[in-house]
Amino acid sequence: MTAGRQHSRIKDNLPVHWSIEGGVSGDGVLLDLSSTGIRLITNKSFDPSDNCIFTVGSFKGEQLPFGPQKAILRWSQKVMKNKVECVVCGLEFI
């Protein structure tokens, strides 16, 4: 476990579909998973609002280690991936 973290994380690279209540949706990749939340990278750039609610589920029938989950945004950061601006999001399950 990383120093300062309360919950260990499992690194993963599973494709997911995500949506924000009343807003944008897309595909992404689940980067890691803990008992309290996930970190994912989106396939597009957008400006998520503080504390917005995401729904994260399977992508085209892929098996996920959890069912569709609602999670609240705790932090986000824009990054470049393959010359495309994307957003990395830290989400806490609710």
Protein backbone atom coordinates (compact mmCIF):
# COMPACT_ATOMS: atom_id res chain seq x y z
CA MET A 1 0.00 0.00 0.00
CA THR A 2 1.27 3.49 -0.84
CA ALA A 3 2.21 5.62 2.16
CA GLY A 4 -0.68 7.81 3.30
CA ARG A 5 -3.38 5.73 1.60
CA GLN A 6 -6.06 4.07 3.69
CA HIS A 7 -7.08 1.51 1.05
CA SER A 8 -4.85 -0.53 -1.24
CA ARG A 9 -5.37 -0.24 -4.97
CA ILE A 10 -5.50 -2.88 -7.65
CA LYS A 11 -4.01 -1.69 -10.93
CA ASP A 12 -6.20 -2.50 -13.88
CA ASN A 13 -6.64 -1.47 -17.49
CA LEU A 14 -10.25 -2.38 -18.13
CA PRO A 15 -12.32 -0.48 -20.70
CA VAL A 16 -15.40 1.18 -19.18
CA HIS A 17 -18.32 3.36 -20.23
CA TRP A 18 -19.01 6.40 -18.07
CA SER A 19 -21.63 9.14 -17.91
CA ILE A 20 -22.26 12.19 -15.77
CA GLU A 21 -25.78 12.84 -14.52
CA GLY A 22 -27.34 15.42 -16.84
CA GLY A 23 -24.17 15.78 -18.87
CA VAL A 24 -21.45 14.26 -20.97
CA SER A 25 -20.67 10.57 -21.46
CA GLY A 26 -18.00 8.49 -23.14
CA ASP A 27 -15.62 5.59 -22.88
CA GLY A 28 -12.47 5.29 -20.86
CA VAL A 29 -10.08 3.00 -19.07
CA LEU A 30 -10.22 2.02 -15.41
CA LEU A 31 -6.64 2.60 -14.19
CA ASP A 32 -7.00 1.33 -10.65
CA LEU A 33 -9.63 0.17 -8.20
CA SER A 34 -9.93 0.22 -4.42
CA SER A 35 -12.71 -0.68 -2.01
CA THR A 36 -13.77 2.98 -1.93
CA GLY A 37 -13.41 4.12 -5.54
CA ILE A 38 -11.65 4.13 -8.87
CA ARG A 39 -9.30 6.17 -11.00
CA LEU A 40 -10.18 6.35 -14.67
CA ILE A 41 -9.00 8.13 -17.79
CA THR A 42 -11.61 9.38 -20.25
CA ASN A 43 -11.44 9.30 -24.04
CA LYS A 44 -12.22 13.00 -24.35
CA SER A 45 -11.53 16.34 -22.77
CA PHE A 46 -14.23 18.11 -20.76
CA ASP A 47 -14.50 20.23 -17.64
CA PRO A 48 -16.15 18.12 -14.92
CA SER A 49 -17.82 20.14 -12.18
CA ASP A 50 -16.86 19.64 -8.56
CA ASN A 51 -18.69 16.74 -6.91
CA CYS A 52 -20.50 15.70 -10.10
CA ILE A 53 -21.94 12.17 -10.11
CA PHE A 54 -20.55 9.58 -12.53
CA THR A 55 -22.07 6.24 -13.46
CA VAL A 56 -19.37 3.76 -14.48
CA GLY A 57 -20.22 0.46 -16.14
CA SER A 58 -18.99 -2.20 -18.50
CA PHE A 59 -17.81 -1.49 -22.02
CA LYS A 60 -19.25 -3.72 -24.74
CA GLY A 61 -19.79 -6.73 -22.50
CA GLU A 62 -16.41 -6.63 -20.74
CA GLN A 63 -16.46 -8.20 -17.28
CA LEU A 64 -15.80 -5.69 -14.50
CA PRO A 65 -14.81 -6.49 -10.90
CA PHE A 66 -17.91 -4.52 -9.85
CA GLY A 67 -21.38 -3.83 -11.26
CA PRO A 68 -22.40 -0.43 -12.61
CA GLN A 69 -21.49 2.03 -9.90
CA LYS A 70 -22.31 5.58 -9.04
CA ALA A 71 -19.37 7.62 -7.83
CA ILE A 72 -18.67 11.22 -6.93
CA LEU A 73 -15.80 13.16 -8.48
CA ARG A 74 -13.10 13.93 -5.91
CA TRP A 75 -10.42 15.26 -8.27
CA SER A 76 -9.60 15.55 -11.97
CA GLN A 77 -6.62 16.43 -14.12
CA LYS A 78 -6.29 17.01 -17.87
CA VAL A 79 -3.56 14.93 -19.52
CA MET A 80 -2.34 14.17 -23.02
CA LYS A 81 -2.67 10.57 -24.23
CA ASN A 82 -1.67 9.66 -27.78
CA LYS A 83 -1.76 13.39 -28.69
CA VAL A 84 -5.37 13.67 -27.45
CA GLU A 85 -6.36 15.68 -24.38
CA CYS A 86 -8.16 13.44 -21.87
CA VAL A 87 -9.21 13.72 -18.23
CA VAL A 88 -8.02 11.51 -15.38
CA CYS A 89 -10.66 11.35 -12.63
CA GLY A 90 -10.52 10.16 -9.04
CA LEU A 91 -13.97 8.89 -8.11
CA GLU A 92 -15.35 7.75 -4.75
CA PHE A 93 -18.17 5.19 -4.73
CA ILE A 94 -21.46 6.42 -3.26
